[in-house]
Amino acid sequence: MTLGEIERLTKEYADAWKLLKGKIEDLELEKEAAVRRHIYGIKDALGRVTDKRGTLGAAILSAPELFEKPRTITMYGIKVGLQKSKGTLEIDDMDKTIRLIRKHLPEQAEVLINVKETASKDALLNLSAAELKKIGARITDTTDKLVLKSTDTDTEKLVKAFLKEDEMADEQEAA
């Protein structure tokens, strides 16, 4: 192997790299042109989806009795219904709750109590209502929340990508 051969191989590599870079740049230009061609139709369709989502959501919330069992139904590839929210953990007196965890749940204290001596809300959410009561905590705000979700995740990802690109384009226009 000589330096001349290394130089020749380097040039071949550089040429291949330039070809790849050109192909990627061509693809990006085509992608940008396609976005420009379709963005208004996508925005219009997105507006329709937003409008129809609001109407459907209001209809579901106005008839919760339809979603007692089962709580959700999939129709036309859309999951609709109601589900319980996780709720909000409330602790009235953090020091008291920590003392009560150590007293009533000593085997779980390392998990339920953060090192900085605050109760671990994530871990406490796994406790039963009776256990929470023992340590001076409770879960509130467990109201029904709306479920309206497409099962077509690939399209959802594309829509999010288009929305992100659209927001960036709007920001550039504003600048």
N, C-alpha and C. Protein backbone atom coordinates (compact mmCIF):
# COMPACT_ATOMS: atom_id res chain seq x y z
N MET A 1 0.85 -1.17 0.00
CA MET A 1 0.00 0.00 0.00
C MET A 1 0.90 1.24 0.00
N THR A 2 0.59 2.14 -0.90
CA THR A 2 1.37 3.37 -0.98
C THR A 2 0.46 4.56 -0.68
N LEU A 3 1.08 5.72 -0.46
CA LEU A 3 0.32 6.93 -0.21
C LEU A 3 -0.52 7.30 -1.44
N GLY A 4 0.00 7.00 -2.63
CA GLY A 4 -0.75 7.24 -3.86
C GLY A 4 -2.03 6.40 -3.92
N GLU A 5 -1.93 5.13 -3.47
CA GLU A 5 -3.11 4.27 -3.46
C GLU A 5 -4.12 4.78 -2.42
N ILE A 6 -3.63 5.23 -1.26
CA ILE A 6 -4.50 5.80 -0.22
C ILE A 6 -5.21 7.03 -0.79
N GLU A 7 -4.45 7.86 -1.54
CA GLU A 7 -5.05 9.06 -2.14
C GLU A 7 -6.14 8.67 -3.13
N ARG A 8 -5.90 7.66 -3.97
CA ARG A 8 -6.89 7.21 -4.95
C ARG A 8 -8.15 6.69 -4.24
N LEU A 9 -7.97 5.88 -3.20
CA LEU A 9 -9.11 5.35 -2.44
C LEU A 9 -9.87 6.47 -1.73
N THR A 10 -9.13 7.47 -1.25
CA THR A 10 -9.76 8.61 -0.60
C THR A 10 -10.61 9.38 -1.59
N LYS A 11 -10.11 9.58 -2.82
CA LYS A 11 -10.88 10.28 -3.84
C LYS A 11 -12.13 9.49 -4.18
N GLU A 12 -12.03 8.17 -4.32
CA GLU A 12 -13.20 7.34 -4.61
C GLU A 12 -14.25 7.47 -3.50
N TYR A 13 -13.76 7.47 -2.26
CA TYR A 13 -14.66 7.61 -1.12
C TYR A 13 -15.31 8.99 -1.14
N ALA A 14 -14.52 10.05 -1.38
CA ALA A 14 -15.04 11.41 -1.43
C ALA A 14 -16.08 11.55 -2.53
N ASP A 15 -15.83 10.96 -3.68
CA ASP A 15 -16.79 11.00 -4.78
C ASP A 15 -18.09 10.29 -4.41
N ALA A 16 -17.98 9.13 -3.77
CA ALA A 16 -19.17 8.39 -3.33
C ALA A 16 -19.94 9.20 -2.30
N TRP A 17 -19.22 9.86 -1.41
CA TRP A 17 -19.84 10.70 -0.37
C TRP A 17 -20.59 11.88 -1.01
N LYS A 18 -19.97 12.52 -2.02
CA LYS A 18 -20.61 13.64 -2.71
C LYS A 18 -21.88 13.17 -3.42
N LEU A 19 -21.84 11.98 -4.02
CA LEU A 19 -23.01 11.44 -4.69
C LEU A 19 -24.14 11.21 -3.67
N LEU A 20 -23.80 10.61 -2.55
CA LEU A 20 -24.80 10.38 -1.50
C LEU A 20 -25.37 11.70 -1.00
N LYS A 21 -24.52 12.66 -0.73
CA LYS A 21 -24.96 13.98 -0.26
C LYS A 21 -25.91 14.61 -1.28
N GLY A 22 -25.57 14.52 -2.55
CA GLY A 22 -26.43 15.07 -3.61
C GLY A 22 -27.79 14.41 -3.64
N LYS A 23 -27.81 13.09 -3.49
CA LYS A 23 -29.08 12.36 -3.48
C LYS A 23 -29.94 12.77 -2.29
N ILE A 24 -29.29 12.94 -1.14
CA ILE A 24 -30.03 13.37 0.06
C ILE A 24 -30.56 14.78 -0.13
N GLU A 25 -29.75 15.68 -0.70
CA GLU A 25 -30.21 17.05 -0.96
C GLU A 25 -31.37 17.05 -1.95
N ASP A 26 -31.30 16.21 -2.99
CA ASP A 26 -32.41 16.10 -3.95
C ASP A 26 -33.68 15.64 -3.24
N LEU A 27 -33.54 14.66 -2.37
CA LEU A 27 -34.69 14.15 -1.62
C LEU A 27 -35.30 15.25 -0.76
N GLU A 28 -34.44 16.01 -0.08
CA GLU A 28 -34.93 17.10 0.78
C GLU A 28 -35.66 18.15 -0.05
N LEU A 29 -35.14 18.48 -1.23
CA LEU A 29 -35.81 19.46 -2.09
C LEU A 29 -37.17 18.94 -2.55
N GLU A 30 -37.23 17.66 -2.91
CA GLU A 30 -38.50 17.06 -3.31
C GLU A 30 -39.49 17.04 -2.15
N LYS A 31 -38.98 16.74 -0.96
CA LYS A 31 -39.83 16.70 0.23
C LYS A 31 -40.39 18.09 0.50
N GLU A 32 -39.54 19.13 0.44
CA GLU A 32 -40.01 20.50 0.67
C GLU A 32 -41.04 20.90 -0.36
N ALA A 33 -40.83 20.52 -1.61
CA ALA A 33 -41.79 20.85 -2.67
C ALA A 33 -43.12 20.12 -2.42
N ALA A 34 -43.04 18.87 -2.00
CA ALA A 34 -44.25 18.10 -1.72
C ALA A 34 -45.01 18.73 -0.55
N VAL A 35 -44.29 19.14 0.48
CA VAL A 35 -44.94 19.80 1.62
C VAL A 35 -45.64 21.07 1.15
N ARG A 36 -44.95 21.88 0.33
CA ARG A 36 -45.56 23.12 -0.18
C ARG A 36 -46.81 22.82 -1.00
N ARG A 37 -46.79 21.74 -1.79
CA ARG A 37 -47.94 21.39 -2.61
C ARG A 37 -49.13 20.93 -1.77
N HIS A 38 -48.85 20.26 -0.66
CA HIS A 38 -49.92 19.63 0.11
C HIS A 38 -50.28 20.33 1.41
N ILE A 39 -49.52 21.31 1.84
CA ILE A 39 -49.71 21.87 3.18
C ILE A 39 -51.08 22.50 3.36
N TYR A 40 -51.61 23.17 2.35
CA TYR A 40 -52.92 23.81 2.52
C TYR A 40 -54.03 22.77 2.64
N GLY A 41 -53.93 21.71 1.87
CA GLY A 41 -54.90 20.62 2.00
C GLY A 41 -54.79 19.95 3.36
N ILE A 42 -53.58 19.78 3.84
CA ILE A 42 -53.36 19.18 5.15
C ILE A 42 -53.92 20.10 6.23
N LYS A 43 -53.67 21.40 6.11
CA LYS A 43 -54.21 22.35 7.10
C LYS A 43 -55.73 22.33 7.10
N ASP A 44 -56.33 22.26 5.92
CA ASP A 44 -57.78 22.21 5.82
C ASP A 44 -58.30 20.93 6.47
N ALA A 45 -57.68 19.81 6.16
CA ALA A 45 -58.10 18.53 6.74
C ALA A 45 -57.90 18.53 8.25
N LEU A 46 -56.81 19.13 8.71
CA LEU A 46 -56.55 19.22 10.15
C LEU A 46 -57.63 20.06 10.83
N GLY A 47 -58.04 21.14 10.18
CA GLY A 47 -59.13 21.96 10.73
C GLY A 47 -60.41 21.16 10.84
N ARG A 48 -60.70 20.34 9.82
CA ARG A 48 -61.90 19.50 9.86
C ARG A 48 -61.81 18.48 10.99
N VAL A 49 -60.62 17.88 11.15
CA VAL A 49 -60.43 16.90 12.22
C VAL A 49 -60.64 17.57 13.58
N THR A 50 -60.09 18.76 13.74
CA THR A 50 -60.24 19.48 15.01
C THR A 50 -61.71 19.77 15.29
N ASP A 51 -62.43 20.22 14.27
CA ASP A 51 -63.85 20.53 14.42
C ASP A 51 -64.64 19.27 14.76
N LYS A 52 -64.41 18.20 14.01
CA LYS A 52 -65.14 16.94 14.23
C LYS A 52 -64.78 16.33 15.58
N ARG A 53 -63.52 16.50 16.01
CA ARG A 53 -63.10 16.00 17.33
C ARG A 53 -63.87 16.70 18.43
N GLY A 54 -64.02 18.03 18.29
CA GLY A 54 -64.77 18.80 19.29
C GLY A 54 -66.22 18.35 19.35
N THR A 55 -66.84 18.16 18.19
CA THR A 55 -68.24 17.73 18.14
C THR A 55 -68.40 16.34 18.73
N LEU A 56 -67.52 15.41 18.34
CA LEU A 56 -67.58 14.04 18.86
C LEU A 56 -67.31 14.02 20.36
N GLY A 57 -66.32 14.78 20.79
CA GLY A 57 -65.99 14.84 22.22
C GLY A 57 -67.16 15.34 23.04
N ALA A 58 -67.82 16.39 22.57
CA ALA A 58 -68.98 16.93 23.29
C ALA A 58 -70.10 15.89 23.34
N ALA A 59 -70.31 15.16 22.24
CA ALA A 59 -71.35 14.13 22.20
C ALA A 59 -71.06 13.02 23.22
N ILE A 60 -69.80 12.60 23.27
CA ILE A 60 -69.42 11.53 24.22
C ILE A 60 -69.61 12.01 25.66
N LEU A 61 -69.16 13.22 25.94
CA LEU A 61 -69.29 13.75 27.31
C LEU A 61 -70.74 13.98 27.70
N SER A 62 -71.62 14.19 26.72
CA SER A 62 -73.03 14.41 27.03
C SER A 62 -73.78 13.10 27.29
N ALA A 63 -73.16 11.97 26.98
CA ALA A 63 -73.82 10.67 27.16
C ALA A 63 -72.91 9.67 27.85
N PRO A 64 -72.43 9.97 29.07
CA PRO A 64 -71.48 9.05 29.73
C PRO A 64 -72.09 7.68 30.01
N GLU A 65 -73.41 7.59 30.09
CA GLU A 65 -74.05 6.30 30.36
C GLU A 65 -73.79 5.28 29.25
N LEU A 66 -73.46 5.76 28.06
CA LEU A 66 -73.15 4.86 26.95
C LEU A 66 -71.79 4.20 27.11
N PHE A 67 -70.99 4.70 28.04
CA PHE A 67 -69.62 4.21 28.19
C PHE A 67 -69.34 3.72 29.61
N GLU A 68 -70.34 3.02 30.17
CA GLU A 68 -70.14 2.43 31.49
C GLU A 68 -69.44 1.08 31.36
N LYS A 69 -69.93 0.22 30.49
CA LYS A 69 -69.28 -1.07 30.20
C LYS A 69 -69.58 -1.40 28.76
N PRO A 70 -68.66 -1.47 27.90
CA PRO A 70 -67.24 -1.13 28.09
C PRO A 70 -67.05 0.38 28.15
N ARG A 71 -65.94 0.80 28.73
CA ARG A 71 -65.64 2.22 28.90
C ARG A 71 -65.21 2.86 27.58
N THR A 72 -64.61 2.08 26.71
CA THR A 72 -64.20 2.58 25.40
C THR A 72 -64.62 1.59 24.33
N ILE A 73 -64.81 2.11 23.13
CA ILE A 73 -65.18 1.29 21.97
C ILE A 73 -64.34 1.78 20.80
N THR A 74 -63.91 0.88 19.93
CA THR A 74 -63.21 1.26 18.71
C THR A 74 -64.17 1.14 17.54
N MET A 75 -64.38 2.25 16.87
CA MET A 75 -65.25 2.29 15.69
C MET A 75 -64.50 3.01 14.58
N TYR A 76 -64.48 2.41 13.40
CA TYR A 76 -63.84 3.02 12.23
C TYR A 76 -62.38 3.38 12.51
N GLY A 77 -61.71 2.60 13.34
CA GLY A 77 -60.31 2.84 13.64
C GLY A 77 -60.08 3.94 14.67
N ILE A 78 -61.13 4.40 15.34
CA ILE A 78 -61.02 5.45 16.35
C ILE A 78 -61.51 4.89 17.68
N LYS A 79 -60.69 5.03 18.71
CA LYS A 79 -61.06 4.59 20.05
C LYS A 79 -61.78 5.75 20.73
N VAL A 80 -63.01 5.52 21.15
CA VAL A 80 -63.81 6.58 21.79
C VAL A 80 -64.34 6.07 23.12
N GLY A 81 -64.63 6.99 24.02
CA GLY A 81 -65.21 6.62 25.30
C GLY A 81 -64.66 7.46 26.42
N LEU A 82 -64.65 6.87 27.60
CA LEU A 82 -64.20 7.55 28.81
C LEU A 82 -63.25 6.64 29.57
N GLN A 83 -62.33 7.25 30.30
CA GLN A 83 -61.46 6.48 31.18
C GLN A 83 -61.17 7.33 32.41
N LYS A 84 -60.94 6.66 33.50
CA LYS A 84 -60.62 7.37 34.74
C LYS A 84 -59.24 8.00 34.61
N SER A 85 -59.14 9.25 35.03
CA SER A 85 -57.83 9.87 35.09
C SER A 85 -57.10 9.31 36.30
N LYS A 86 -55.78 9.46 36.32
CA LYS A 86 -55.00 8.93 37.44
C LYS A 86 -55.37 9.63 38.74
N GLY A 87 -55.82 10.85 38.64
CA GLY A 87 -56.14 11.61 39.84
C GLY A 87 -54.92 12.35 40.34
N THR A 88 -55.14 13.15 41.34
CA THR A 88 -54.07 13.96 41.92
C THR A 88 -53.87 13.53 43.36
N LEU A 89 -52.66 13.21 43.71
CA LEU A 89 -52.36 12.82 45.08
C LEU A 89 -52.18 14.07 45.92
N GLU A 90 -52.90 14.14 47.02
CA GLU A 90 -52.77 15.28 47.93
C GLU A 90 -52.22 14.79 49.26
N ILE A 91 -51.27 15.54 49.79
CA ILE A 91 -50.70 15.24 51.10
C ILE A 91 -50.78 16.52 51.90
N ASP A 92 -51.53 16.47 53.00
CA ASP A 92 -51.73 17.67 53.80
C ASP A 92 -50.48 18.07 54.58
N ASP A 93 -49.83 17.11 55.19
CA ASP A 93 -48.66 17.40 56.02
C ASP A 93 -47.57 16.38 55.66
N MET A 94 -46.59 16.83 54.86
CA MET A 94 -45.56 15.93 54.34
C MET A 94 -44.80 15.24 55.48
N ASP A 95 -44.40 15.98 56.49
CA ASP A 95 -43.65 15.37 57.60
C ASP A 95 -44.46 14.29 58.30
N LYS A 96 -45.74 14.57 58.53
CA LYS A 96 -46.61 13.60 59.18
C LYS A 96 -46.76 12.35 58.30
N THR A 97 -46.95 12.53 57.00
CA THR A 97 -47.09 11.40 56.09
C THR A 97 -45.83 10.55 56.10
N ILE A 98 -44.67 11.18 56.11
CA ILE A 98 -43.40 10.43 56.16
C ILE A 98 -43.31 9.62 57.46
N ARG A 99 -43.66 10.25 58.58
CA ARG A 99 -43.64 9.53 59.86
C ARG A 99 -44.59 8.33 59.81
N LEU A 100 -45.78 8.55 59.22
CA LEU A 100 -46.77 7.47 59.17
C LEU A 100 -46.37 6.37 58.20
N ILE A 101 -45.68 6.72 57.13
CA ILE A 101 -45.15 5.68 56.23
C ILE A 101 -44.15 4.82 57.00
N ARG A 102 -43.24 5.47 57.72
CA ARG A 102 -42.24 4.73 58.50
C ARG A 102 -42.91 3.83 59.55
N LYS A 103 -44.03 4.30 60.11
CA LYS A 103 -44.74 3.54 61.14
C LYS A 103 -45.55 2.40 60.52
N HIS A 104 -46.36 2.70 59.52
CA HIS A 104 -47.30 1.72 58.98
C HIS A 104 -46.77 0.89 57.81
N LEU A 105 -45.82 1.44 57.06
CA LEU A 105 -45.29 0.75 55.88
C LEU A 105 -43.75 0.76 55.88
N PRO A 106 -43.12 0.33 56.98
CA PRO A 106 -41.67 0.45 57.07
C PRO A 106 -40.92 -0.32 55.98
N GLU A 107 -41.48 -1.44 55.53
CA GLU A 107 -40.81 -2.23 54.50
C GLU A 107 -40.83 -1.53 53.14
N GLN A 108 -41.70 -0.54 52.96
CA GLN A 108 -41.79 0.19 51.70
C GLN A 108 -41.23 1.62 51.81
N ALA A 109 -40.75 1.99 52.99
CA ALA A 109 -40.31 3.36 53.24
C ALA A 109 -39.25 3.83 52.25
N GLU A 110 -38.30 2.96 51.92
CA GLU A 110 -37.22 3.35 51.01
C GLU A 110 -37.76 3.75 49.62
N VAL A 111 -38.82 3.07 49.19
CA VAL A 111 -39.43 3.36 47.90
C VAL A 111 -40.39 4.54 47.99
N LEU A 112 -41.16 4.61 49.06
CA LEU A 112 -42.21 5.62 49.19
C LEU A 112 -41.69 6.99 49.64
N ILE A 113 -40.49 7.02 50.19
CA ILE A 113 -39.94 8.29 50.68
C ILE A 113 -38.70 8.63 49.87
N ASN A 114 -38.72 9.82 49.28
CA ASN A 114 -37.55 10.29 48.56
C ASN A 114 -36.46 10.66 49.55
N VAL A 115 -35.23 10.62 49.09
CA VAL A 115 -34.09 10.88 49.95
C VAL A 115 -34.19 12.24 50.62
N LYS A 116 -34.76 13.21 49.94
CA LYS A 116 -34.84 14.55 50.53
C LYS A 116 -36.03 14.67 51.48
N GLU A 117 -36.49 13.54 51.94
CA GLU A 117 -37.57 13.47 52.92
C GLU A 117 -38.89 14.07 52.43
N THR A 118 -39.26 13.69 51.24
CA THR A 118 -40.62 13.97 50.77
C THR A 118 -41.20 12.63 50.34
N ALA A 119 -42.49 12.51 50.47
CA ALA A 119 -43.14 11.27 50.07
C ALA A 119 -43.07 11.15 48.55
N SER A 120 -42.86 9.94 48.05
CA SER A 120 -42.80 9.69 46.62
C SER A 120 -44.22 9.54 46.09
N LYS A 121 -44.69 10.58 45.43
CA LYS A 121 -46.07 10.55 44.94
C LYS A 121 -46.29 9.42 43.95
N ASP A 122 -45.30 9.15 43.09
CA ASP A 122 -45.44 8.06 42.12
C ASP A 122 -45.66 6.73 42.83
N ALA A 123 -44.88 6.47 43.87
CA ALA A 123 -45.02 5.21 44.60
C ALA A 123 -46.31 5.20 45.42
N LEU A 124 -46.66 6.35 46.00
CA LEU A 124 -47.88 6.41 46.81
C LEU A 124 -49.13 6.16 45.98
N LEU A 125 -49.08 6.52 44.70
CA LEU A 125 -50.23 6.28 43.84
C LEU A 125 -50.56 4.80 43.70
N ASN A 126 -49.60 3.94 44.03
CA ASN A 126 -49.82 2.49 43.95
C ASN A 126 -50.45 1.91 45.21
N LEU A 127 -50.60 2.74 46.24
CA LEU A 127 -51.18 2.26 47.49
C LEU A 127 -52.70 2.26 47.40
N SER A 128 -53.30 1.43 48.25
CA SER A 128 -54.77 1.40 48.31
C SER A 128 -55.26 2.63 49.05
N ALA A 129 -56.55 2.90 48.93
CA ALA A 129 -57.15 4.05 49.62
C ALA A 129 -56.98 3.90 51.14
N ALA A 130 -57.12 2.66 51.65
CA ALA A 130 -56.97 2.42 53.09
C ALA A 130 -55.55 2.74 53.55
N GLU A 131 -54.56 2.31 52.76
CA GLU A 131 -53.16 2.60 53.12
C GLU A 131 -52.89 4.09 53.06
N LEU A 132 -53.43 4.76 52.05
CA LEU A 132 -53.25 6.22 51.95
C LEU A 132 -53.86 6.92 53.15
N LYS A 133 -55.05 6.46 53.56
CA LYS A 133 -55.72 7.07 54.71
C LYS A 133 -54.87 6.93 55.98
N LYS A 134 -54.26 5.76 56.15
CA LYS A 134 -53.42 5.52 57.33
C LYS A 134 -52.28 6.52 57.43
N ILE A 135 -51.78 6.96 56.28
CA ILE A 135 -50.61 7.85 56.30
C ILE A 135 -50.96 9.30 56.02
N GLY A 136 -52.25 9.62 56.04
CA GLY A 136 -52.67 11.01 55.90
C GLY A 136 -52.66 11.52 54.48
N ALA A 137 -52.92 10.67 53.52
CA ALA A 137 -52.94 11.09 52.12
C ALA A 137 -54.22 10.56 51.48
N ARG A 138 -54.58 11.10 50.34
CA ARG A 138 -55.76 10.64 49.62
C ARG A 138 -55.60 11.01 48.15
N ILE A 139 -56.36 10.33 47.31
CA ILE A 139 -56.37 10.64 45.88
C ILE A 139 -57.65 11.39 45.58
N THR A 140 -57.52 12.52 44.88
CA THR A 140 -58.68 13.32 44.50
C THR A 140 -58.69 13.49 42.99
N ASP A 141 -59.75 14.09 42.50
CA ASP A 141 -59.87 14.44 41.09
C ASP A 141 -59.77 13.21 40.18
N THR A 142 -60.58 12.20 40.49
CA THR A 142 -60.59 11.00 39.65
C THR A 142 -61.80 11.03 38.72
N THR A 143 -61.99 12.16 38.09
CA THR A 143 -63.12 12.31 37.18
C THR A 143 -62.86 11.59 35.87
N ASP A 144 -63.91 11.38 35.12
CA ASP A 144 -63.76 10.78 33.80
C ASP A 144 -63.07 11.76 32.87
N LYS A 145 -62.23 11.26 32.00
CA LYS A 145 -61.62 12.11 30.98
C LYS A 145 -61.90 11.50 29.62
N LEU A 146 -61.97 12.34 28.65
CA LEU A 146 -62.33 11.94 27.30
C LEU A 146 -61.23 11.11 26.65
N VAL A 147 -61.61 10.04 25.95
CA VAL A 147 -60.69 9.24 25.15
C VAL A 147 -61.13 9.36 23.70
N LEU A 148 -60.26 9.90 22.88
CA LEU A 148 -60.52 10.06 21.45
C LEU A 148 -59.19 9.89 20.77
N LYS A 149 -58.88 8.71 20.29
CA LYS A 149 -57.53 8.43 19.86
C LYS A 149 -57.54 7.56 18.62
N SER A 150 -56.81 7.97 17.62
CA SER A 150 -56.71 7.18 16.40
C SER A 150 -55.84 5.95 16.67
N THR A 151 -56.23 4.83 16.11
CA THR A 151 -55.40 3.64 16.24
C THR A 151 -54.39 3.56 15.10
N ASP A 152 -54.46 4.53 14.19
CA ASP A 152 -53.54 4.61 13.05
C ASP A 152 -52.33 5.46 13.46
N THR A 153 -51.39 4.85 14.17
CA THR A 153 -50.28 5.61 14.74
C THR A 153 -49.33 6.15 13.69
N ASP A 154 -49.19 5.46 12.55
CA ASP A 154 -48.30 5.95 11.51
C ASP A 154 -48.79 7.29 10.97
N THR A 155 -50.08 7.38 10.70
CA THR A 155 -50.63 8.64 10.19
C THR A 155 -50.52 9.72 11.26
N GLU A 156 -50.76 9.34 12.52
CA GLU A 156 -50.66 10.31 13.60
C GLU A 156 -49.24 10.89 13.67
N LYS A 157 -48.24 10.05 13.50
CA LYS A 157 -46.86 10.52 13.51
C LYS A 157 -46.61 11.49 12.36
N LEU A 158 -47.15 11.17 11.17
CA LEU A 158 -46.98 12.05 10.02
C LEU A 158 -47.66 13.39 10.27
N VAL A 159 -48.86 13.36 10.84
CA VAL A 159 -49.58 14.61 11.12
C VAL A 159 -48.78 15.45 12.10
N LYS A 160 -48.24 14.83 13.15
CA LYS A 160 -47.43 15.58 14.12
C LYS A 160 -46.20 16.17 13.45
N ALA A 161 -45.58 15.42 12.56
CA ALA A 161 -44.40 15.92 11.85
C ALA A 161 -44.77 17.11 10.97
N PHE A 162 -45.90 17.02 10.26
CA PHE A 162 -46.35 18.13 9.42
C PHE A 162 -46.67 19.35 10.29
N LEU A 163 -47.31 19.12 11.42
CA LEU A 163 -47.64 20.24 12.30
C LEU A 163 -46.37 20.92 12.80
N LYS A 164 -45.37 20.12 13.15
CA LYS A 164 -44.11 20.67 13.64
C LYS A 164 -43.44 21.49 12.55
N GLU A 165 -43.40 20.94 11.32
CA GLU A 165 -42.81 21.67 10.20
C GLU A 165 -43.58 22.95 9.92
N ASP A 166 -44.92 22.88 10.01
CA ASP A 166 -45.77 24.03 9.75
C ASP A 166 -45.51 25.12 10.79
N GLU A 167 -45.38 24.73 12.06
CA GLU A 167 -45.09 25.70 13.12
C GLU A 167 -43.74 26.37 12.88
N MET A 168 -42.75 25.56 12.45
CA MET A 168 -41.42 26.12 12.19
C MET A 168 -41.50 27.09 11.01
N ALA A 169 -42.28 26.75 9.99
CA ALA A 169 -42.42 27.64 8.82
C ALA A 169 -43.11 28.93 9.22
N ASP A 170 -44.14 28.84 10.06
CA ASP A 170 -44.83 30.04 10.55
C ASP A 170 -43.88 30.93 11.35
N GLU A 171 -43.03 30.30 12.17
CA GLU A 171 -42.07 31.07 12.97
C GLU A 171 -41.06 31.77 12.05
N GLN A 172 -40.64 31.09 10.99
CA GLN A 172 -39.68 31.69 10.06
C GLN A 172 -40.32 32.85 9.31
N GLU A 173 -41.60 32.70 8.93
CA GLU A 173 -42.31 33.78 8.25
C GLU A 173 -42.47 34.99 9.16
N ALA A 174 -42.70 34.75 10.44
CA ALA A 174 -42.90 35.82 11.39
C ALA A 174 -41.59 36.58 11.66
N ALA A 175 -40.47 35.88 11.52
CA ALA A 175 -39.16 36.49 11.85
C ALA A 175 -38.70 37.46 10.79
